[in-house]
Amino acid sequence: MHEPTIAFSIQEDKEKEVRATLTAVYDALRQKGYNPINQIVGYILSEDPTYITTHNNARSLIRRIDRDELLRLLVKSYLDD
């Protein structure tokens, strides 16, 4: 007996990882009293990591995401929903 093959999507996994990371960064910024949307937009536009707090390792987390990939996923998410 063979078990059914399960297909995994690397792209889907990457999108989930980016979503989880962005959510963690958003939460860390909010916890520190910042406007998370403004700070994340500032980071995306300038790629200056100082827009992101070091609280809960948020700055390190967001720097793991390629900025172009982040923009692509944000636009995709906005237009798909």
PDB file of N, CA and C in Angstrom:
ATOM      1  N   MET A   1       0.827  -1.194   0.000  1.00  0.00           N
ATOM      2  CA  MET A   1       0.000   0.000   0.000  1.00  0.00           C
ATOM      3  C   MET A   1       0.868   1.252   0.000  1.00  0.00           C
ATOM      4  N   HIS A   2       0.515   2.137  -0.877  1.00  0.00           N
ATOM      5  CA  HIS A   2       1.231   3.406  -0.956  1.00  0.00           C
ATOM      6  C   HIS A   2       0.387   4.503  -0.333  1.00  0.00           C
ATOM      7  N   GLU A   3       1.069   5.353   0.395  1.00  0.00           N
ATOM      8  CA  GLU A   3       0.370   6.513   0.949  1.00  0.00           C
ATOM      9  C   GLU A   3       0.302   7.593  -0.119  1.00  0.00           C
ATOM     10  N   PRO A   4      -0.754   8.391  -0.083  1.00  0.00           N
ATOM     11  CA  PRO A   4      -0.862   9.450  -1.094  1.00  0.00           C
ATOM     12  C   PRO A   4       0.297  10.441  -0.976  1.00  0.00           C
ATOM     13  N   THR A   5       0.705  10.915  -2.115  1.00  0.00           N
ATOM     14  CA  THR A   5       1.778  11.900  -2.158  1.00  0.00           C
ATOM     15  C   THR A   5       1.225  13.253  -1.733  1.00  0.00           C
ATOM     16  N   ILE A   6       1.989  13.921  -0.895  1.00  0.00           N
ATOM     17  CA  ILE A   6       1.598  15.249  -0.452  1.00  0.00           C
ATOM     18  C   ILE A   6       2.522  16.250  -1.127  1.00  0.00           C
ATOM     19  N   ALA A   7       1.939  17.228  -1.775  1.00  0.00           N
ATOM     20  CA  ALA A   7       2.725  18.256  -2.451  1.00  0.00           C
ATOM     21  C   ALA A   7       2.905  19.450  -1.528  1.00  0.00           C
ATOM     22  N   PHE A   8       4.140  19.894  -1.404  1.00  0.00           N
ATOM     23  CA  PHE A   8       4.439  21.067  -0.603  1.00  0.00           C
ATOM     24  C   PHE A   8       4.857  22.195  -1.529  1.00  0.00           C
ATOM     25  N   SER A   9       4.397  23.349  -1.230  1.00  0.00           N
ATOM     26  CA  SER A   9       4.751  24.511  -2.034  1.00  0.00           C
ATOM     27  C   SER A   9       5.785  25.341  -1.280  1.00  0.00           C
ATOM     28  N   ILE A  10       6.964  25.438  -1.843  1.00  0.00           N
ATOM     29  CA  ILE A  10       8.011  26.246  -1.220  1.00  0.00           C
ATOM     30  C   ILE A  10       7.572  27.702  -1.169  1.00  0.00           C
ATOM     31  N   GLN A  11       6.918  28.165  -2.224  1.00  0.00           N
ATOM     32  CA  GLN A  11       6.446  29.549  -2.266  1.00  0.00           C
ATOM     33  C   GLN A  11       5.431  29.808  -1.165  1.00  0.00           C
ATOM     34  N   GLU A  12       4.517  28.866  -0.970  1.00  0.00           N
ATOM     35  CA  GLU A  12       3.500  29.005   0.075  1.00  0.00           C
ATOM     36  C   GLU A  12       4.142  29.065   1.455  1.00  0.00           C
ATOM     37  N   ASP A  13       5.138  28.214   1.683  1.00  0.00           N
ATOM     38  CA  ASP A  13       5.851  28.213   2.957  1.00  0.00           C
ATOM     39  C   ASP A  13       6.568  29.541   3.177  1.00  0.00           C
ATOM     40  N   LYS A  14       7.177  30.065   2.123  1.00  0.00           N
ATOM     41  CA  LYS A  14       7.887  31.343   2.207  1.00  0.00           C
ATOM     42  C   LYS A  14       6.917  32.469   2.553  1.00  0.00           C
ATOM     43  N   GLU A  15       5.746  32.457   1.926  1.00  0.00           N
ATOM     44  CA  GLU A  15       4.748  33.488   2.205  1.00  0.00           C
ATOM     45  C   GLU A  15       4.280  33.415   3.660  1.00  0.00           C
ATOM     46  N   LYS A  16       4.095  32.217   4.173  1.00  0.00           N
ATOM     47  CA  LYS A  16       3.697  32.059   5.577  1.00  0.00           C
ATOM     48  C   LYS A  16       4.787  32.566   6.506  1.00  0.00           C
ATOM     49  N   GLU A  17       6.021  32.292   6.160  1.00  0.00           N
ATOM     50  CA  GLU A  17       7.155  32.751   6.964  1.00  0.00           C
ATOM     51  C   GLU A  17       7.234  34.279   6.975  1.00  0.00           C
ATOM     52  N   VAL A  18       7.054  34.887   5.802  1.00  0.00           N
ATOM     53  CA  VAL A  18       7.090  36.349   5.710  1.00  0.00           C
ATOM     54  C   VAL A  18       5.937  36.949   6.508  1.00  0.00           C
ATOM     55  N   ARG A  19       4.758  36.365   6.402  1.00  0.00           N
ATOM     56  CA  ARG A  19       3.589  36.856   7.142  1.00  0.00           C
ATOM     57  C   ARG A  19       3.838  36.779   8.653  1.00  0.00           C
ATOM     58  N   ALA A  20       4.380  35.669   9.111  1.00  0.00           N
ATOM     59  CA  ALA A  20       4.663  35.502  10.543  1.00  0.00           C
ATOM     60  C   ALA A  20       5.711  36.509  11.012  1.00  0.00           C
ATOM     61  N   THR A  21       6.736  36.714  10.200  1.00  0.00           N
ATOM     62  CA  THR A  21       7.789  37.669  10.550  1.00  0.00           C
ATOM     63  C   THR A  21       7.242  39.086  10.593  1.00  0.00           C
ATOM     64  N   LEU A  22       6.481  39.459   9.586  1.00  0.00           N
ATOM     65  CA  LEU A  22       5.925  40.809   9.533  1.00  0.00           C
ATOM     66  C   LEU A  22       4.963  41.053  10.697  1.00  0.00           C
ATOM     67  N   THR A  23       4.208  40.037  11.064  1.00  0.00           N
ATOM     68  CA  THR A  23       3.300  40.152  12.204  1.00  0.00           C
ATOM     69  C   THR A  23       4.088  40.347  13.503  1.00  0.00           C
ATOM     70  N   ALA A  24       5.173  39.609  13.657  1.00  0.00           N
ATOM     71  CA  ALA A  24       6.008  39.744  14.862  1.00  0.00           C
ATOM     72  C   ALA A  24       6.631  41.137  14.936  1.00  0.00           C
ATOM     73  N   VAL A  25       7.090  41.645  13.795  1.00  0.00           N
ATOM     74  CA  VAL A  25       7.679  42.994  13.748  1.00  0.00           C
ATOM     75  C   VAL A  25       6.614  44.036  14.074  1.00  0.00           C
ATOM     76  N   TYR A  26       5.443  43.889  13.484  1.00  0.00           N
ATOM     77  CA  TYR A  26       4.321  44.797  13.738  1.00  0.00           C
ATOM     78  C   TYR A  26       4.006  44.834  15.236  1.00  0.00           C
ATOM     79  N   ASP A  27       3.897  43.660  15.845  1.00  0.00           N
ATOM     80  CA  ASP A  27       3.580  43.577  17.276  1.00  0.00           C
ATOM     81  C   ASP A  27       4.658  44.226  18.134  1.00  0.00           C
ATOM     82  N   ALA A  28       5.920  44.002  17.795  1.00  0.00           N
ATOM     83  CA  ALA A  28       7.018  44.595  18.561  1.00  0.00           C
ATOM     84  C   ALA A  28       6.984  46.120  18.473  1.00  0.00           C
ATOM     85  N   LEU A  29       6.727  46.642  17.282  1.00  0.00           N
ATOM     86  CA  LEU A  29       6.640  48.097  17.108  1.00  0.00           C
ATOM     87  C   LEU A  29       5.475  48.674  17.912  1.00  0.00           C
ATOM     88  N   ARG A  30       4.349  48.001  17.865  1.00  0.00           N
ATOM     89  CA  ARG A  30       3.172  48.459  18.613  1.00  0.00           C
ATOM     90  C   ARG A  30       3.446  48.439  20.117  1.00  0.00           C
ATOM     91  N   GLN A  31       4.088  47.381  20.583  1.00  0.00           N
ATOM     92  CA  GLN A  31       4.405  47.263  22.008  1.00  0.00           C
ATOM     93  C   GLN A  31       5.309  48.398  22.486  1.00  0.00           C
ATOM     94  N   LYS A  32       6.167  48.876  21.609  1.00  0.00           N
ATOM     95  CA  LYS A  32       7.070  49.969  21.975  1.00  0.00           C
ATOM     96  C   LYS A  32       6.438  51.347  21.773  1.00  0.00           C
ATOM     97  N   GLY A  33       5.192  51.391  21.308  1.00  0.00           N
ATOM     98  CA  GLY A  33       4.486  52.657  21.171  1.00  0.00           C
ATOM     99  C   GLY A  33       4.646  53.339  19.832  1.00  0.00           C
ATOM    100  N   TYR A  34       5.226  52.653  18.864  1.00  0.00           N
ATOM    101  CA  TYR A  34       5.390  53.234  17.531  1.00  0.00           C
ATOM    102  C   TYR A  34       4.145  52.986  16.687  1.00  0.00           C
ATOM    103  N   ASN A  35       4.021  53.750  15.607  1.00  0.00           N
ATOM    104  CA  ASN A  35       2.994  53.479  14.608  1.00  0.00           C
ATOM    105  C   ASN A  35       3.602  52.432  13.667  1.00  0.00           C
ATOM    106  N   PRO A  36       3.191  51.169  13.796  1.00  0.00           N
ATOM    107  CA  PRO A  36       3.848  50.099  13.043  1.00  0.00           C
ATOM    108  C   PRO A  36       3.792  50.270  11.529  1.00  0.00           C
ATOM    109  N   ILE A  37       2.680  50.745  11.018  1.00  0.00           N
ATOM    110  CA  ILE A  37       2.554  50.914   9.562  1.00  0.00           C
ATOM    111  C   ILE A  37       3.571  51.936   9.064  1.00  0.00           C
ATOM    112  N   ASN A  38       3.633  53.084   9.719  1.00  0.00           N
ATOM    113  CA  ASN A  38       4.581  54.124   9.305  1.00  0.00           C
ATOM    114  C   ASN A  38       6.024  53.642   9.393  1.00  0.00           C
ATOM    115  N   GLN A  39       6.344  52.903  10.437  1.00  0.00           N
ATOM    116  CA  GLN A  39       7.715  52.433  10.630  1.00  0.00           C
ATOM    117  C   GLN A  39       8.079  51.388   9.570  1.00  0.00           C
ATOM    118  N   ILE A  40       7.166  50.476   9.280  1.00  0.00           N
ATOM    119  CA  ILE A  40       7.441  49.450   8.279  1.00  0.00           C
ATOM    120  C   ILE A  40       7.556  50.076   6.891  1.00  0.00           C
ATOM    121  N   VAL A  41       6.693  51.015   6.570  1.00  0.00           N
ATOM    122  CA  VAL A  41       6.782  51.719   5.282  1.00  0.00           C
ATOM    123  C   VAL A  41       8.118  52.459   5.188  1.00  0.00           C
ATOM    124  N   GLY A  42       8.506  53.127   6.248  1.00  0.00           N
ATOM    125  CA  GLY A  42       9.802  53.821   6.264  1.00  0.00           C
ATOM    126  C   GLY A  42      10.944  52.861   6.004  1.00  0.00           C
ATOM    127  N   TYR A  43      10.888  51.702   6.624  1.00  0.00           N
ATOM    128  CA  TYR A  43      11.921  50.691   6.404  1.00  0.00           C
ATOM    129  C   TYR A  43      11.924  50.217   4.952  1.00  0.00           C
ATOM    130  N   ILE A  44      10.751  49.919   4.418  1.00  0.00           N
ATOM    131  CA  ILE A  44      10.669  49.420   3.039  1.00  0.00           C
ATOM    132  C   ILE A  44      11.206  50.455   2.052  1.00  0.00           C
ATOM    133  N   LEU A  45      10.833  51.711   2.236  1.00  0.00           N
ATOM    134  CA  LEU A  45      11.257  52.757   1.303  1.00  0.00           C
ATOM    135  C   LEU A  45      12.749  53.056   1.389  1.00  0.00           C
ATOM    136  N   SER A  46      13.296  53.026   2.600  1.00  0.00           N
ATOM    137  CA  SER A  46      14.684  53.437   2.779  1.00  0.00           C
ATOM    138  C   SER A  46      15.663  52.283   2.983  1.00  0.00           C
ATOM    139  N   GLU A  47      15.137  51.144   3.381  1.00  0.00           N
ATOM    140  CA  GLU A  47      15.929  49.985   3.792  1.00  0.00           C
ATOM    141  C   GLU A  47      16.841  50.322   4.976  1.00  0.00           C
ATOM    142  N   ASP A  48      16.439  51.336   5.727  1.00  0.00           N
ATOM    143  CA  ASP A  48      17.171  51.738   6.933  1.00  0.00           C
ATOM    144  C   ASP A  48      16.621  50.947   8.108  1.00  0.00           C
ATOM    145  N   PRO A  49      17.396  50.044   8.685  1.00  0.00           N
ATOM    146  CA  PRO A  49      16.891  49.177   9.748  1.00  0.00           C
ATOM    147  C   PRO A  49      16.525  49.918  11.033  1.00  0.00           C
ATOM    148  N   THR A  50      16.964  51.161  11.177  1.00  0.00           N
ATOM    149  CA  THR A  50      16.639  51.881  12.415  1.00  0.00           C
ATOM    150  C   THR A  50      15.158  52.249  12.507  1.00  0.00           C
ATOM    151  N   TYR A  51      14.410  52.075  11.429  1.00  0.00           N
ATOM    152  CA  TYR A  51      12.962  52.262  11.500  1.00  0.00           C
ATOM    153  C   TYR A  51      12.306  51.164  12.332  1.00  0.00           C
ATOM    154  N   ILE A  52      13.005  50.049  12.504  1.00  0.00           N
ATOM    155  CA  ILE A  52      12.451  48.896  13.212  1.00  0.00           C
ATOM    156  C   ILE A  52      13.138  48.757  14.562  1.00  0.00           C
ATOM    157  N   THR A  53      12.344  48.605  15.592  1.00  0.00           N
ATOM    158  CA  THR A  53      12.868  48.455  16.944  1.00  0.00           C
ATOM    159  C   THR A  53      13.647  47.148  17.096  1.00  0.00           C
ATOM    160  N   THR A  54      14.547  47.134  18.051  1.00  0.00           N
ATOM    161  CA  THR A  54      15.255  45.896  18.380  1.00  0.00           C
ATOM    162  C   THR A  54      14.455  45.048  19.366  1.00  0.00           C
ATOM    163  N   HIS A  55      13.369  45.609  19.890  1.00  0.00           N
ATOM    164  CA  HIS A  55      12.503  44.898  20.842  1.00  0.00           C
ATOM    165  C   HIS A  55      12.050  43.567  20.242  1.00  0.00           C
ATOM    166  N   ASN A  56      12.143  42.514  21.015  1.00  0.00           N
ATOM    167  CA  ASN A  56      11.757  41.153  20.580  1.00  0.00           C
ATOM    168  C   ASN A  56      12.466  40.715  19.298  1.00  0.00           C
ATOM    169  N   ASN A  57      13.665  41.256  19.091  1.00  0.00           N
ATOM    170  CA  ASN A  57      14.495  40.861  17.945  1.00  0.00           C
ATOM    171  C   ASN A  57      13.873  41.250  16.588  1.00  0.00           C
ATOM    172  N   ALA A  58      12.972  42.247  16.596  1.00  0.00           N
ATOM    173  CA  ALA A  58      12.238  42.615  15.380  1.00  0.00           C
ATOM    174  C   ALA A  58      13.157  43.077  14.252  1.00  0.00           C
ATOM    175  N   ARG A  59      14.170  43.854  14.581  1.00  0.00           N
ATOM    176  CA  ARG A  59      15.058  44.374  13.530  1.00  0.00           C
ATOM    177  C   ARG A  59      15.797  43.229  12.836  1.00  0.00           C
ATOM    178  N   SER A  60      16.260  42.310  13.608  1.00  0.00           N
ATOM    179  CA  SER A  60      16.948  41.151  13.038  1.00  0.00           C
ATOM    180  C   SER A  60      16.005  40.308  12.188  1.00  0.00           C
ATOM    181  N   LEU A  61      14.783  40.153  12.652  1.00  0.00           N
ATOM    182  CA  LEU A  61      13.798  39.361  11.914  1.00  0.00           C
ATOM    183  C   LEU A  61      13.495  39.960  10.547  1.00  0.00           C
ATOM    184  N   ILE A  62      13.236  41.259  10.511  1.00  0.00           N
ATOM    185  CA  ILE A  62      12.825  41.869   9.241  1.00  0.00           C
ATOM    186  C   ILE A  62      13.969  41.909   8.239  1.00  0.00           C
ATOM    187  N   ARG A  63      15.190  41.944   8.736  1.00  0.00           N
ATOM    188  CA  ARG A  63      16.328  41.985   7.813  1.00  0.00           C
ATOM    189  C   ARG A  63      16.562  40.652   7.126  1.00  0.00           C
ATOM    190  N   ARG A  64      15.913  39.599   7.590  1.00  0.00           N
ATOM    191  CA  ARG A  64      16.015  38.284   6.945  1.00  0.00           C
ATOM    192  C   ARG A  64      15.152  38.199   5.693  1.00  0.00           C
ATOM    193  N   ILE A  65      14.215  39.144   5.551  1.00  0.00           N
ATOM    194  CA  ILE A  65      13.308  39.145   4.403  1.00  0.00           C
ATOM    195  C   ILE A  65      13.879  40.062   3.327  1.00  0.00           C
ATOM    196  N   ASP A  66      13.966  39.545   2.121  1.00  0.00           N
ATOM    197  CA  ASP A  66      14.383  40.363   0.989  1.00  0.00           C
ATOM    198  C   ASP A  66      13.331  41.447   0.766  1.00  0.00           C
ATOM    199  N   ARG A  67      13.772  42.681   0.676  1.00  0.00           N
ATOM    200  CA  ARG A  67      12.837  43.803   0.562  1.00  0.00           C
ATOM    201  C   ARG A  67      11.961  43.707  -0.685  1.00  0.00           C
ATOM    202  N   ASP A  68      12.534  43.293  -1.806  1.00  0.00           N
ATOM    203  CA  ASP A  68      11.744  43.138  -3.035  1.00  0.00           C
ATOM    204  C   ASP A  68      10.680  42.059  -2.864  1.00  0.00           C
ATOM    205  N   GLU A  69      11.044  40.977  -2.195  1.00  0.00           N
ATOM    206  CA  GLU A  69      10.091  39.901  -1.941  1.00  0.00           C
ATOM    207  C   GLU A  69       8.971  40.387  -1.020  1.00  0.00           C
ATOM    208  N   LEU A  70       9.340  41.165  -0.025  1.00  0.00           N
ATOM    209  CA  LEU A  70       8.340  41.725   0.886  1.00  0.00           C
ATOM    210  C   LEU A  70       7.356  42.603   0.127  1.00  0.00           C
ATOM    211  N   LEU A  71       7.852  43.470  -0.723  1.00  0.00           N
ATOM    212  CA  LEU A  71       6.976  44.332  -1.522  1.00  0.00           C
ATOM    213  C   LEU A  71       6.074  43.517  -2.441  1.00  0.00           C
ATOM    214  N   ARG A  72       6.633  42.502  -3.075  1.00  0.00           N
ATOM    215  CA  ARG A  72       5.855  41.654  -3.966  1.00  0.00           C
ATOM    216  C   ARG A  72       4.712  40.983  -3.216  1.00  0.00           C
ATOM    217  N   LEU A  73       5.017  40.449  -2.055  1.00  0.00           N
ATOM    218  CA  LEU A  73       3.987  39.763  -1.275  1.00  0.00           C
ATOM    219  C   LEU A  73       2.927  40.723  -0.738  1.00  0.00           C
ATOM    220  N   LEU A  74       3.342  41.922  -0.365  1.00  0.00           N
ATOM    221  CA  LEU A  74       2.374  42.909   0.117  1.00  0.00           C
ATOM    222  C   LEU A  74       1.406  43.316  -0.996  1.00  0.00           C
ATOM    223  N   VAL A  75       1.939  43.573  -2.186  1.00  0.00           N
ATOM    224  CA  VAL A  75       1.090  43.949  -3.321  1.00  0.00           C
ATOM    225  C   VAL A  75       0.183  42.781  -3.691  1.00  0.00           C
ATOM    226  N   LYS A  76       0.725  41.579  -3.731  1.00  0.00           N
ATOM    227  CA  LYS A  76      -0.058  40.391  -4.052  1.00  0.00           C
ATOM    228  C   LYS A  76      -1.190  40.212  -3.043  1.00  0.00           C
ATOM    229  N   SER A  77      -0.867  40.354  -1.773  1.00  0.00           N
ATOM    230  CA  SER A  77      -1.865  40.191  -0.720  1.00  0.00           C
ATOM    231  C   SER A  77      -2.969  41.240  -0.845  1.00  0.00           C
ATOM    232  N   TYR A  78      -2.590  42.460  -1.127  1.00  0.00           N
ATOM    233  CA  TYR A  78      -3.551  43.550  -1.248  1.00  0.00           C
ATOM    234  C   TYR A  78      -4.495  43.315  -2.422  1.00  0.00           C
ATOM    235  N   LEU A  79      -3.949  42.888  -3.533  1.00  0.00           N
ATOM    236  CA  LEU A  79      -4.760  42.713  -4.739  1.00  0.00           C
ATOM    237  C   LEU A  79      -5.545  41.406  -4.749  1.00  0.00           C
ATOM    238  N   ASP A  80      -5.053  40.394  -4.063  1.00  0.00           N
ATOM    239  CA  ASP A  80      -5.750  39.103  -4.015  1.00  0.00           C
ATOM    240  C   ASP A  80      -6.930  39.109  -3.052  1.00  0.00           C
ATOM    241  N   ASP A  81      -6.894  39.942  -2.037  1.00  0.00           N
ATOM    242  CA  ASP A  81      -7.952  39.939  -1.016  1.00  0.00           C
ATOM    243  C   ASP A  81      -9.172  40.709  -1.397  1.00  0.00           C
TER     244      ASP A  81
END
